[in-house]
Protein backbone atom coordinates (compact mmCIF):
# COMPACT_ATOMS: atom_id res chain seq x y z
CA MET A 1 -9.87 0.03 -45.14
CA ASP A 2 -10.47 1.97 -41.85
CA ARG A 3 -10.02 5.62 -41.12
CA ARG A 4 -6.82 4.97 -39.72
CA GLY A 5 -5.16 4.04 -43.12
CA GLY A 6 -4.88 0.24 -42.24
CA PHE A 7 -6.58 -2.90 -43.03
CA GLY A 8 -9.47 -3.92 -40.52
CA PRO A 9 -9.56 -3.07 -36.89
CA ARG A 10 -6.56 -2.20 -34.88
CA VAL A 11 -5.08 -4.93 -33.27
CA TRP A 12 -3.25 -4.68 -30.19
CA ALA A 13 -0.55 -7.30 -29.43
CA ARG A 14 1.38 -7.65 -26.17
CA PRO A 15 5.62 -7.94 -26.82
CA LEU A 16 6.68 -11.25 -26.52
CA PRO A 17 8.80 -12.19 -23.22
CA ARG A 18 12.42 -11.79 -23.87
CA PRO A 19 14.10 -15.09 -24.89
CA HIS A 20 16.06 -15.92 -22.07
CA HIS A 21 17.75 -18.62 -23.10
CA LEU A 22 19.51 -16.96 -25.87
CA PHE A 23 20.93 -13.97 -23.32
CA GLY A 24 21.92 -15.93 -20.43
CA GLY A 25 18.65 -15.27 -18.38
CA ARG A 26 20.19 -11.60 -17.45
CA GLY A 27 20.78 -9.89 -20.83
CA ARG A 28 24.38 -11.28 -21.29
CA PRO A 29 24.56 -12.59 -25.22
CA GLY A 30 25.64 -15.82 -25.42
CA ALA A 31 25.73 -16.61 -21.79
CA LEU A 32 25.47 -20.25 -21.37
CA GLN A 33 23.08 -21.78 -18.45
CA PRO A 34 22.80 -25.43 -17.66
CA GLY A 35 19.93 -27.19 -19.40
CA LYS A 36 19.06 -24.16 -21.58
CA ALA A 37 19.25 -23.65 -25.28
CA ARG A 38 21.95 -22.02 -26.87
CA VAL A 39 21.53 -20.99 -30.45
CA GLY A 40 25.11 -20.77 -32.13
CA PRO A 41 26.32 -18.36 -35.07
CA TRP A 42 25.60 -19.83 -38.61
CA ARG A 43 27.91 -18.83 -41.39
CA GLU A 44 26.35 -15.53 -42.69
CA GLN A 45 24.22 -16.71 -45.76
CA THR A 46 25.28 -20.19 -46.32
CA GLY A 47 23.22 -22.30 -43.98
CA PRO A 48 19.96 -20.58 -44.41
CA THR A 49 20.60 -20.72 -48.05
CA ILE A 50 21.11 -24.71 -48.06
CA LEU A 51 18.24 -24.81 -45.97
CA SER A 52 16.03 -23.03 -48.42
CA ARG A 53 17.22 -25.23 -51.30
CA LEU A 54 16.61 -28.52 -49.25
CA ARG A 55 13.01 -27.19 -48.39
CA LEU A 56 12.35 -26.32 -51.75
CA LYS A 57 13.22 -29.64 -53.13
CA LEU A 58 11.51 -31.70 -50.40
CA GLY A 59 8.22 -29.61 -49.85
CA PRO A 60 6.64 -30.07 -53.14
CA LYS A 61 7.08 -33.80 -53.19
CA ALA A 62 6.27 -34.18 -49.39
CA LEU A 63 3.03 -32.25 -50.27
CA GLY A 64 2.16 -34.40 -53.34
CA GLU A 65 2.44 -37.44 -50.85
CA GLY A 66 0.38 -36.27 -48.39
CA GLY A 67 3.18 -35.05 -45.94
CA GLU A 68 4.72 -31.67 -45.63
CA ALA A 69 8.00 -29.81 -45.15
CA PHE A 70 8.34 -27.31 -41.99
CA ALA A 71 11.18 -24.86 -41.46
CA GLY A 72 11.32 -24.11 -37.60
CA ASP A 73 7.48 -24.12 -37.01
CA ARG A 74 7.33 -27.75 -36.03
CA ARG A 75 9.82 -29.25 -33.40
CA PRO A 76 10.04 -32.95 -32.71
CA LYS A 77 9.48 -34.10 -29.59
CA VAL A 78 11.98 -36.48 -28.54
CA SER A 79 10.78 -37.01 -24.80
CA GLU A 80 8.14 -35.83 -22.59
CA ASP A 81 9.81 -32.75 -21.95
CA THR A 82 12.36 -32.24 -24.66
CA VAL A 83 11.84 -30.85 -28.15
CA PHE A 84 14.90 -29.89 -30.78
CA TYR A 85 14.71 -27.32 -33.01
CA PRO A 86 16.02 -29.05 -36.45
CA GLY A 87 16.72 -26.93 -39.68
CA LEU A 88 13.84 -28.67 -41.60
CA MET A 89 11.75 -31.36 -40.82
CA VAL A 90 9.57 -33.43 -43.07
CA ALA A 91 6.60 -35.30 -41.99
CA CYS A 92 5.40 -38.19 -44.11
CA GLY A 93 1.75 -37.73 -43.48
CA PRO A 94 -0.58 -35.05 -41.65
CA SER A 95 1.04 -33.59 -38.90
CA PRO A 96 -1.40 -31.23 -37.26
CA PHE A 97 0.55 -30.68 -34.13
CA LEU A 98 2.83 -27.65 -32.88
CA TYR A 99 5.35 -30.69 -31.79
CA GLY A 100 6.20 -33.25 -34.80
CA GLU A 101 4.79 -36.39 -33.51
CA ALA A 102 6.16 -38.33 -36.46
CA PRO A 103 9.16 -36.89 -38.36
CA GLY A 104 10.17 -38.89 -41.42
CA ILE A 105 13.28 -36.87 -42.36
CA LEU A 106 15.24 -34.42 -40.00
CA PRO A 107 17.91 -32.77 -42.36
CA GLU A 108 20.58 -30.61 -40.54
CA ILE A 109 22.81 -28.17 -41.82
CA LEU A 110 26.48 -28.83 -40.27
CA SER A 111 28.64 -25.70 -39.27
CA GLU A 112 31.38 -25.27 -36.52
CA SER A 113 28.94 -24.28 -33.98
CA THR A 114 26.08 -26.98 -34.59
CA GLU A 115 28.27 -30.16 -35.66
CA ASP A 116 29.22 -31.83 -32.31
CA PRO A 117 25.13 -31.28 -31.26
CA ASP A 118 24.01 -32.47 -34.53
CA ARG A 119 26.23 -35.69 -34.56
CA GLY A 120 26.01 -36.44 -30.71
CA ARG A 121 22.87 -35.53 -28.69
CA LYS A 122 20.44 -34.98 -31.64
CA LEU A 123 21.52 -38.01 -33.25
CA GLY A 124 21.15 -39.94 -30.02
CA HIS A 125 17.63 -38.60 -29.18
CA TYR A 126 16.47 -39.13 -33.07
CA SER A 127 17.46 -42.59 -32.95
CA GLY A 128 15.36 -43.24 -30.20
CA LEU A 129 12.10 -42.32 -32.09
CA PRO A 130 10.53 -44.99 -34.13
CA SER A 131 9.32 -42.49 -37.11
CA PRO A 132 12.33 -41.08 -38.46
CA ARG A 133 13.49 -42.62 -41.49
CA ALA A 134 16.37 -40.43 -42.39
CA TYR A 135 18.72 -38.01 -40.80
CA PRO A 136 20.68 -36.26 -43.33
CA LEU A 137 23.56 -34.05 -42.48
CA VAL A 138 24.49 -31.36 -44.96
CA ASP A 139 27.69 -29.23 -44.53
CA SER A 140 27.68 -25.83 -44.77
CA ARG A 141 31.61 -25.70 -45.35
CA ARG A 142 32.28 -27.89 -48.13
CA VAL A 143 29.83 -29.73 -50.70
CA SER A 144 28.95 -33.13 -48.77
CA LEU A 145 26.02 -35.18 -47.55
CA GLU A 146 26.11 -37.93 -45.06
CA ALA A 147 22.84 -39.57 -43.69
CA HIS A 148 21.72 -41.91 -41.15
CA LEU A 149 18.90 -44.19 -42.97
CA ARG A 150 16.68 -46.45 -41.21
CA GLU A 151 14.68 -49.18 -43.15
CA GLU A 152 12.80 -52.26 -41.38
CA ASP A 153 15.43 -53.06 -38.72
CA GLN A 154 18.43 -51.92 -40.69
CA GLY A 155 20.63 -48.64 -40.48
CA THR A 156 22.98 -47.32 -43.37
CA TYR A 157 25.40 -44.41 -43.08
CA PRO A 158 26.08 -43.32 -46.68
CA ARG A 159 28.75 -40.25 -46.87
CA LEU A 160 28.54 -38.44 -50.21
CA GLY A 161 30.57 -35.76 -52.19
CA PRO A 162 29.73 -33.78 -55.14
CA GLY A 163 27.77 -35.96 -57.82
CA GLY A 164 26.47 -38.11 -55.36
CA SER A 165 22.62 -39.01 -54.76
CA LEU A 166 20.64 -40.41 -51.69
CA PRO A 167 17.68 -41.98 -52.24
CA LEU A 168 15.05 -40.77 -49.42
CA PRO A 169 12.19 -43.45 -48.55
CA CYS A 170 9.83 -40.39 -47.62
CA PRO A 171 8.82 -38.78 -49.54
CA PRO A 172 10.24 -41.11 -52.44
CA LEU A 173 13.13 -39.13 -54.25
CA GLU A 174 16.42 -38.99 -55.14
CA LEU A 175 18.27 -36.25 -53.44
CA THR A 176 21.49 -35.18 -55.11
CA VAL A 177 24.05 -33.73 -52.97
CA ALA A 178 24.11 -30.63 -55.28
CA HIS A 179 20.33 -29.96 -54.66
CA GLY A 180 21.55 -27.86 -51.65
CA TYR A 181 24.17 -25.92 -52.90
CA PRO A 182 22.90 -23.87 -56.10
CA GLY A 183 23.89 -20.13 -55.69
CA VAL A 184 25.88 -20.97 -52.41
CA ASN A 185 29.40 -19.73 -52.50
CA LEU A 186 31.35 -21.55 -49.75
CA GLU A 187 34.09 -19.24 -50.05
CA GLU A 188 32.37 -16.28 -48.72
CA GLY A 189 30.14 -18.14 -45.96
């Protein structure tokens, strides 16, 4: 311990620049700007809790298969100048880059504010990438799971309710609808 009561030398850090895409560029929260990202409000606890449950289920299995599950720290690059911020990204193999070059599974948590972009723009871009094998959509408002699955040249779109399960190709596992909802109270969200 050093004499200032901390561990190691003091490190000075510059504050990060203000995230203007979140504040409309002029400090007005929520103001939209063309071509800029906007973060919509999530249900207070429901969305993050479901995301944590999915990462706990997919992460260890992905690691065991030589891949990894990333929540927020890796972004799939869908074109030369466009990346998305998925709730979770599962790489089926090593992914040493900041931008996920080969995501295998891209789960999204649907809410009132994210459902349209997740079903529209993101789905369109993800469908154009060669690597994603599954794009599960987990609803934060009711117990349900839908997925766009790709195997070979075939695509399927299962819609599942409570008690349903989805076989995922990478990592190979059976994801039940219930995996995302332990401890989640959909009535409070």
